[in-house]
Amino acid sequence: MSRNLVALSVAAALLGGTALAEAPRVAADIAPVHSLVARVMQGVGAPSLIVASGASPHEYNLRPSEAAALQDADLVFWVSPDLTPWLDGAIETLADDATVTALLEVDGTAELPFREGALFEAHMHGDEDHGDHEHEAHDHDNAHDGHDHDDHAHDEGHDGHDEHGHEDHGHEEHADGKEHGDEEHADHGHEGHDHGEYDPHAWLSPDNGAVWLNAIAAQLSAADPDNAGAYFANAAAGRAELAALRAEINGILDPVRGRNFIVFHDAYQYFEAAFEFPASGAISVSDASDPSPARIAEIQGRVAEQGVTCVLSEPQYDPGIVAAVMDGSEASTSVLDPLGSDLEPGPDLYGNVLRNLATALADCL
């Protein structure tokens, strides 16, 4: 190598600074989580998406490229086995050396318990203490009761966000697969949710999204300290974007507040709680089962009783079921997409998922 080339190489290294550090290999389960990770890694690297856009996260067969991304990952971010029970075993097998973060277990995450029955009451969200959900949320600022993560809190240098390897992740609780079985949750109808108590659709709360941005930055910085400044700066910018988005969404919803709507399945209570916009009921008890005739009749009664003006479906569900619920009413219908199935994966997807939910709801109402 000539002296000029050597000099240029040294100069590039000095000027490039942390930009020359190789970003860790990162995998994320669903598109909204992938989006948050991509926002934190922006300008440094890009995560791999494990569950393809448009696919159900509850039941999924990994493609070879997705399995390879999981196997190669230094860090894995996922919601939890409550949402993707099949991924628990895949992580155990393919990513046993990776640092794995279940976002539902991150300190500061608010979890809401599953709602029972087809009909919801508006007061469930509690107008007076709505912001912190203390009346019904399981907040991980405190101990992880019931999750067996006693050894997660060893990384106190990152605002209390626990940095833990996969060996600490508590997979022994799921080794026999028994806790994922339908028989454990027949009363809830939430097949595949191993705890059967807390709703895993927690990404639909921008408050949780903001908490997770911090946790993602902490984990990435621990693995890649040379780029820690970029990760935390991106997380701070992402939180500011979510604060602005909250105000934007409230502006979208304000003109239609007080109107009643029905959702296809009960996956939106985090969004409802965040924006004080409660649903009247859900057609299906879960996204893994069709509603019974009795439940459809119950929802039809609620539509008539409350003068429900909007019934919301989702891309993957039979529109005939929604039509049956709307039979005899003048309710409108629209489509909600909590995963951003039609959106381009990347740092902007998360905000667009929340924005699109608000827009679809307001247009329907």
Protein backbone atom coordinates (compact mmCIF):
# COMPACT_ATOMS: atom_id res chain seq x y z
CA MET A 1 0.00 0.00 0.00
CA SER A 2 1.39 3.44 -0.93
CA ARG A 3 2.08 6.14 1.67
CA ASN A 4 -0.82 8.16 0.27
CA LEU A 5 -3.27 5.32 0.73
CA VAL A 6 -2.01 4.67 4.25
CA ALA A 7 -2.39 8.36 5.07
CA LEU A 8 -5.91 8.42 3.64
CA SER A 9 -6.87 5.32 5.64
CA VAL A 10 -5.58 6.84 8.87
CA ALA A 11 -7.34 10.14 8.16
CA ALA A 12 -10.61 8.37 7.39
CA ALA A 13 -10.38 6.46 10.66
CA LEU A 14 -9.72 9.65 12.62
CA LEU A 15 -12.47 11.64 10.92
CA GLY A 16 -15.00 8.82 10.86
CA GLY A 17 -14.78 8.20 14.59
CA THR A 18 -17.65 6.07 15.83
CA ALA A 19 -19.19 5.83 12.36
CA LEU A 20 -16.56 3.22 11.48
CA ALA A 21 -17.67 0.92 14.32
CA GLU A 22 -19.53 -2.09 13.00
CA ALA A 23 -23.14 -2.11 14.10
CA PRO A 24 -24.38 -5.22 15.89
CA ARG A 25 -26.61 -7.64 14.05
CA VAL A 26 -30.14 -7.15 15.32
CA ALA A 27 -33.43 -9.00 14.74
CA ALA A 28 -36.93 -7.81 15.68
CA ASP A 29 -40.14 -9.81 15.68
CA ILE A 30 -42.97 -7.68 14.23
CA ALA A 31 -42.93 -4.61 12.01
CA PRO A 32 -43.82 -2.04 14.74
CA VAL A 33 -41.01 -3.31 16.99
CA HIS A 34 -38.67 -3.46 13.98
CA SER A 35 -39.60 0.17 13.30
CA LEU A 36 -38.67 1.32 16.81
CA VAL A 37 -35.36 -0.53 16.58
CA ALA A 38 -34.71 0.92 13.12
CA ARG A 39 -35.36 4.43 14.49
CA VAL A 40 -32.78 3.93 17.24
CA MET A 41 -30.26 2.43 14.78
CA GLN A 42 -30.84 5.06 12.11
CA GLY A 43 -27.54 6.17 10.57
CA VAL A 44 -25.68 3.28 12.22
CA GLY A 45 -27.23 0.07 10.94
CA ALA A 46 -30.52 -1.68 10.19
CA PRO A 47 -32.32 -4.53 11.98
CA SER A 48 -33.78 -7.62 10.33
CA LEU A 49 -37.54 -8.24 10.44
CA ILE A 50 -38.51 -11.76 11.51
CA VAL A 51 -42.29 -11.85 10.93
CA ALA A 52 -43.05 -10.71 7.39
CA SER A 53 -45.46 -7.81 6.94
CA GLY A 54 -49.04 -8.98 6.59
CA ALA A 55 -48.48 -12.28 8.41
CA SER A 56 -50.10 -13.19 11.72
CA PRO A 57 -47.56 -13.03 14.53
CA HIS A 58 -49.43 -15.68 16.50
CA GLU A 59 -48.72 -18.51 14.06
CA TYR A 60 -45.85 -18.25 11.62
CA ASN A 61 -43.34 -20.44 9.81
CA LEU A 62 -39.92 -18.86 9.47
CA ARG A 63 -38.49 -18.46 6.00
CA PRO A 64 -34.85 -19.56 5.60
CA SER A 65 -33.69 -15.94 5.41
CA GLU A 66 -35.57 -15.07 8.60
CA ALA A 67 -34.17 -18.08 10.44
CA ALA A 68 -30.68 -17.06 9.29
CA ALA A 69 -31.21 -13.50 10.52
CA LEU A 70 -32.28 -14.84 13.91
CA GLN A 71 -29.33 -17.21 14.05
CA ASP A 72 -26.85 -14.46 13.18
CA ALA A 73 -28.31 -11.88 15.57
CA ASP A 74 -26.29 -10.38 18.40
CA LEU A 75 -29.46 -8.86 19.85
CA VAL A 76 -33.11 -9.85 19.52
CA PHE A 77 -36.04 -7.59 20.38
CA TRP A 78 -39.53 -9.07 20.59
CA VAL A 79 -42.79 -8.29 22.31
CA SER A 80 -42.93 -11.49 24.37
CA PRO A 81 -44.07 -15.12 24.12
CA ASP A 82 -47.58 -13.83 24.88
CA LEU A 83 -47.75 -12.52 21.31
CA THR A 84 -45.51 -14.96 19.44
CA PRO A 85 -45.38 -18.22 21.43
CA TRP A 86 -43.79 -20.12 18.51
CA LEU A 87 -40.84 -17.69 18.50
CA ASP A 88 -39.84 -18.70 22.01
CA GLY A 89 -38.56 -22.04 20.76
CA ALA A 90 -36.95 -20.50 17.69
CA ILE A 91 -34.98 -18.09 19.86
CA GLU A 92 -34.01 -20.93 22.15
CA THR A 93 -32.69 -22.93 19.21
CA LEU A 94 -31.31 -20.31 16.83
CA ALA A 95 -30.34 -17.33 18.98
CA ASP A 96 -29.03 -18.94 22.14
CA ASP A 97 -25.97 -16.66 22.18
CA ALA A 98 -27.90 -13.44 21.53
CA THR A 99 -28.97 -10.84 24.08
CA VAL A 100 -32.76 -11.14 24.05
CA THR A 101 -35.12 -8.39 25.18
CA ALA A 102 -38.82 -9.10 25.71
CA LEU A 103 -40.25 -5.59 25.56
CA LEU A 104 -43.27 -6.37 27.73
CA GLU A 105 -40.80 -6.99 30.55
CA VAL A 106 -38.91 -3.70 30.19
CA ASP A 107 -39.07 -1.42 33.22
CA GLY A 108 -41.74 1.25 32.77
CA THR A 109 -43.88 -0.76 30.36
CA ALA A 110 -47.57 -0.62 31.24
CA GLU A 111 -49.54 -3.81 30.56
CA LEU A 112 -53.32 -3.95 30.50
CA PRO A 113 -55.19 -7.11 31.50
CA PHE A 114 -57.34 -8.84 28.93
CA ARG A 115 -60.93 -7.66 28.93
CA GLU A 116 -63.58 -10.30 29.39
CA GLY A 117 -66.76 -10.59 27.37
CA ALA A 118 -67.98 -9.04 24.14
CA LEU A 119 -69.06 -5.68 25.55
CA PHE A 120 -66.84 -3.04 27.13
CA GLU A 121 -67.70 -0.28 29.52
CA ALA A 122 -66.20 3.16 28.95
CA HIS A 123 -65.42 3.61 32.64
CA MET A 124 -62.92 0.75 32.45
CA HIS A 125 -60.31 3.25 31.34
CA GLY A 126 -60.96 5.59 34.25
CA ASP A 127 -61.10 9.24 33.23
CA GLU A 128 -59.53 10.52 36.43
CA ASP A 129 -56.35 8.43 36.37
CA HIS A 130 -56.21 7.60 32.71
CA GLY A 131 -52.68 8.69 32.04
CA ASP A 132 -50.80 6.15 34.15
CA HIS A 133 -53.25 3.22 33.98
CA GLU A 134 -52.51 2.47 37.64
CA HIS A 135 -56.03 1.18 38.12
CA GLU A 136 -55.62 -1.69 35.67
CA ALA A 137 -52.10 -1.77 34.31
CA HIS A 138 -49.18 -3.94 35.35
CA ASP A 139 -46.27 -1.48 35.38
CA HIS A 140 -42.76 -2.88 35.10
CA ASP A 141 -41.26 -0.01 37.08
CA ASN A 142 -41.76 -2.43 39.92
CA ALA A 143 -40.61 -6.02 40.20
CA HIS A 144 -41.48 -8.40 37.39
CA ASP A 145 -43.97 -10.29 39.48
CA GLY A 146 -44.65 -13.72 38.11
CA HIS A 147 -42.08 -13.53 35.31
CA ASP A 148 -39.10 -15.15 37.08
CA HIS A 149 -36.64 -12.46 36.00
CA ASP A 150 -34.92 -11.89 39.33
CA ASP A 151 -31.50 -11.64 37.70
CA HIS A 152 -32.44 -9.11 35.04
CA ALA A 153 -31.66 -5.94 36.95
CA HIS A 154 -27.87 -6.09 36.81
CA ASP A 155 -27.42 -3.30 34.28
CA GLU A 156 -28.10 -0.24 36.40
CA GLY A 157 -26.02 1.99 34.20
CA HIS A 158 -28.80 2.44 31.63
CA ASP A 159 -31.72 4.01 33.48
CA GLY A 160 -32.75 0.72 35.01
CA HIS A 161 -33.38 -1.03 31.71
CA ASP A 162 -32.30 -4.57 32.25
CA GLU A 163 -29.65 -5.98 29.98
CA HIS A 164 -29.84 -9.73 29.92
CA GLY A 165 -28.64 -12.60 27.88
CA HIS A 166 -30.90 -15.24 26.51
CA GLU A 167 -29.99 -17.61 29.29
CA ASP A 168 -31.75 -15.31 31.76
CA HIS A 169 -34.88 -15.04 29.69
CA GLY A 170 -36.92 -17.59 31.54
CA HIS A 171 -37.41 -20.03 28.67
CA GLU A 172 -37.51 -22.89 31.12
CA GLU A 173 -41.06 -21.82 31.87
CA HIS A 174 -42.06 -22.71 28.31
CA ALA A 175 -39.85 -25.70 27.58
CA ASP A 176 -42.67 -28.20 27.51
CA GLY A 177 -44.96 -25.92 25.54
CA LYS A 178 -47.72 -26.57 28.06
CA GLU A 179 -48.24 -22.97 28.99
CA HIS A 180 -48.91 -22.12 25.35
CA GLY A 181 -51.72 -24.64 25.04
CA ASP A 182 -55.29 -23.74 24.23
CA GLU A 183 -56.55 -25.64 27.22
CA GLU A 184 -54.89 -23.20 29.60
CA HIS A 185 -56.89 -20.28 28.20
CA ALA A 186 -60.16 -21.62 26.96
CA ASP A 187 -61.96 -19.25 29.30
CA HIS A 188 -60.22 -16.26 27.80
CA GLY A 189 -60.21 -17.38 24.19
CA HIS A 190 -56.71 -15.93 23.81
CA GLU A 191 -55.03 -19.03 22.45
CA GLY A 192 -51.27 -18.83 22.41
CA HIS A 193 -50.94 -16.27 25.24
CA ASP A 194 -48.95 -18.17 27.84
CA HIS A 195 -49.78 -15.95 30.81
CA GLY A 196 -53.42 -15.50 29.84
CA GLU A 197 -53.70 -12.29 31.87
CA TYR A 198 -52.08 -9.34 30.11
CA ASP A 199 -52.83 -8.13 26.61
CA PRO A 200 -49.61 -8.24 24.51
CA HIS A 201 -50.66 -5.59 21.94
CA ALA A 202 -48.78 -3.04 24.01
CA TRP A 203 -47.03 -1.35 21.07
CA LEU A 204 -50.29 0.49 20.33
CA SER A 205 -49.56 2.78 23.29
CA PRO A 206 -47.16 5.58 22.33
CA ASP A 207 -46.19 5.74 26.01
CA ASN A 208 -44.89 2.18 25.77
CA GLY A 209 -43.25 3.02 22.46
CA ALA A 210 -41.32 5.83 24.14
CA VAL A 211 -40.22 3.53 26.98
CA TRP A 212 -39.10 0.92 24.50
CA LEU A 213 -37.02 3.42 22.51
CA ASN A 214 -34.98 4.01 25.67
CA ALA A 215 -34.64 0.31 26.39
CA ILE A 216 -33.57 -0.45 22.83
CA ALA A 217 -30.95 2.32 22.96
CA ALA A 218 -29.63 0.96 26.26
CA GLN A 219 -29.26 -2.57 24.95
CA LEU A 220 -27.66 -1.45 21.69
CA SER A 221 -25.26 0.83 23.57
CA ALA A 222 -24.21 -1.99 25.86
CA ALA A 223 -23.42 -4.14 22.84
CA ASP A 224 -21.92 -1.31 20.78
CA PRO A 225 -20.59 1.44 23.08
CA ASP A 226 -18.81 3.23 20.22
CA ASN A 227 -22.20 4.18 18.79
CA ALA A 228 -23.96 4.80 22.13
CA GLY A 229 -24.24 8.53 21.48
CA ALA A 230 -26.03 7.94 18.20
CA TYR A 231 -28.40 5.39 19.72
CA PHE A 232 -29.46 7.61 22.62
CA ALA A 233 -29.75 10.69 20.37
CA ASN A 234 -31.99 8.74 18.00
CA ALA A 235 -34.10 7.47 20.90
CA ALA A 236 -34.53 11.02 22.22
CA ALA A 237 -35.55 12.25 18.76
CA GLY A 238 -37.96 9.33 18.45
CA ARG A 239 -39.60 10.19 21.78
CA ALA A 240 -40.04 13.79 20.66
CA GLU A 241 -41.67 12.53 17.46
CA LEU A 242 -44.07 10.40 19.48
CA ALA A 243 -45.00 13.37 21.66
CA ALA A 244 -45.83 15.37 18.54
CA LEU A 245 -47.72 12.41 17.12
CA ARG A 246 -49.84 12.17 20.27
CA ALA A 247 -50.98 15.76 19.79
CA GLU A 248 -51.65 15.10 16.10
CA ILE A 249 -53.74 12.02 16.83
CA ASN A 250 -55.76 13.82 19.50
CA GLY A 251 -56.52 16.45 16.88
CA ILE A 252 -57.72 13.74 14.48
CA LEU A 253 -59.96 12.12 17.11
CA ASP A 254 -61.34 15.20 18.87
CA PRO A 255 -64.13 15.87 16.32
CA VAL A 256 -65.58 12.37 16.79
CA ARG A 257 -65.14 11.86 20.53
CA GLY A 258 -68.14 10.35 22.27
CA ARG A 259 -69.24 8.28 19.30
CA ASN A 260 -69.45 4.52 19.64
CA PHE A 261 -67.57 1.91 17.64
CA ILE A 262 -67.02 -1.84 17.59
CA VAL A 263 -63.68 -3.51 16.76
CA PHE A 264 -63.27 -6.92 15.18
CA HIS A 265 -61.09 -8.32 17.96
CA ASP A 266 -59.97 -6.88 21.24
CA ALA A 267 -56.47 -5.68 20.34
CA TYR A 268 -56.80 -1.91 20.65
CA GLN A 269 -57.25 -1.14 24.31
CA TYR A 270 -53.74 0.35 24.58
CA PHE A 271 -54.63 2.82 21.84
CA GLU A 272 -58.05 3.41 23.40
CA ALA A 273 -56.51 4.10 26.81
CA ALA A 274 -53.75 6.33 25.45
CA PHE A 275 -56.21 8.57 23.62
CA GLU A 276 -59.26 8.20 25.91
CA PHE A 277 -61.34 6.76 23.11
CA PRO A 278 -62.90 3.49 24.32
CA ALA A 279 -64.50 0.89 22.08
CA SER A 280 -67.98 -0.42 22.86
CA GLY A 281 -67.11 -4.05 22.23
CA ALA A 282 -65.29 -6.63 20.13
CA ILE A 283 -66.81 -9.08 17.67
CA SER A 284 -64.23 -11.79 18.33
CA VAL A 285 -62.65 -12.65 21.66
CA SER A 286 -59.27 -13.09 19.98
CA ASP A 287 -57.56 -12.97 16.63
CA ALA A 288 -57.20 -16.75 16.71
CA SER A 289 -60.87 -17.70 16.78
CA ASP A 290 -64.14 -16.84 15.04
CA PRO A 291 -66.98 -15.41 17.11
CA SER A 292 -69.84 -17.65 18.19
CA PRO A 293 -73.40 -16.90 17.01
CA ALA A 294 -74.25 -15.89 20.57
CA ARG A 295 -71.42 -13.38 20.65
CA ILE A 296 -72.47 -11.91 17.28
CA ALA A 297 -76.00 -11.55 18.63
CA GLU A 298 -74.65 -9.81 21.74
CA ILE A 299 -72.68 -7.36 19.60
CA GLN A 300 -75.73 -6.75 17.37
CA GLY A 301 -77.66 -5.82 20.50
CA ARG A 302 -74.96 -3.35 21.51
CA VAL A 303 -74.96 -1.80 18.02
CA ALA A 304 -78.71 -1.22 18.28
CA GLU A 305 -78.69 -0.14 21.93
CA GLN A 306 -75.92 2.46 21.62
CA GLY A 307 -76.55 3.52 18.07
CA VAL A 308 -73.06 2.36 17.10
CA THR A 309 -72.01 4.18 13.96
CA CYS A 310 -68.80 2.31 13.11
CA VAL A 311 -67.76 -1.35 12.97
CA LEU A 312 -64.06 -1.87 12.30
CA SER A 313 -62.55 -4.93 10.62
CA GLU A 314 -58.96 -5.97 9.90
CA PRO A 315 -57.26 -6.98 6.64
CA GLN A 316 -57.04 -10.70 7.40
CA TYR A 317 -60.60 -11.30 8.61
CA ASP A 318 -63.77 -12.42 6.86
CA PRO A 319 -65.78 -9.30 5.95
CA GLY A 320 -68.92 -11.44 6.08
CA ILE A 321 -68.71 -11.52 9.87
CA VAL A 322 -68.67 -7.72 10.01
CA ALA A 323 -71.58 -7.62 7.60
CA ALA A 324 -73.55 -9.94 9.89
CA VAL A 325 -72.92 -7.64 12.86
CA MET A 326 -74.00 -4.60 10.86
CA ASP A 327 -77.14 -6.25 9.48
CA GLY A 328 -80.13 -4.01 10.09
CA SER A 329 -78.05 -1.03 11.20
CA GLU A 330 -76.74 2.04 9.41
CA ALA A 331 -73.23 1.68 10.79
CA SER A 332 -70.24 2.37 8.58
CA THR A 333 -67.20 0.12 8.36
CA SER A 334 -63.48 0.66 7.95
CA VAL A 335 -60.29 -1.37 8.30
CA LEU A 336 -57.78 -1.14 11.14
CA ASP A 337 -54.27 -2.52 10.74
CA PRO A 338 -52.35 -2.76 14.03
CA LEU A 339 -49.25 -4.21 12.34
CA GLY A 340 -48.82 -1.90 9.37
CA SER A 341 -49.20 -4.73 6.86
CA ASP A 342 -49.27 -2.39 3.85
CA LEU A 343 -46.56 -0.05 5.07
CA GLU A 344 -42.89 -0.09 4.16
CA PRO A 345 -40.90 -1.51 7.10
CA GLY A 346 -38.52 0.99 8.61
CA PRO A 347 -38.22 3.82 11.15
CA ASP A 348 -41.40 5.62 10.00
CA LEU A 349 -43.73 2.62 10.20
CA TYR A 350 -44.46 2.80 13.93
CA GLY A 351 -45.80 6.35 13.84
CA ASN A 352 -47.73 5.66 10.67
CA VAL A 353 -49.44 2.63 12.26
CA LEU A 354 -50.80 4.80 15.09
CA ARG A 355 -51.67 7.67 12.76
CA ASN A 356 -53.50 5.34 10.37
CA LEU A 357 -55.52 3.81 13.23
CA ALA A 358 -56.71 7.26 14.25
CA THR A 359 -57.50 8.28 10.68
CA ALA A 360 -59.43 5.09 9.90
CA LEU A 361 -61.39 5.42 13.13
CA ALA A 362 -62.24 9.09 12.58
CA ASP A 363 -63.24 8.51 8.95
CA CYS A 364 -65.50 5.63 9.95
CA LEU A 365 -67.18 7.64 12.70
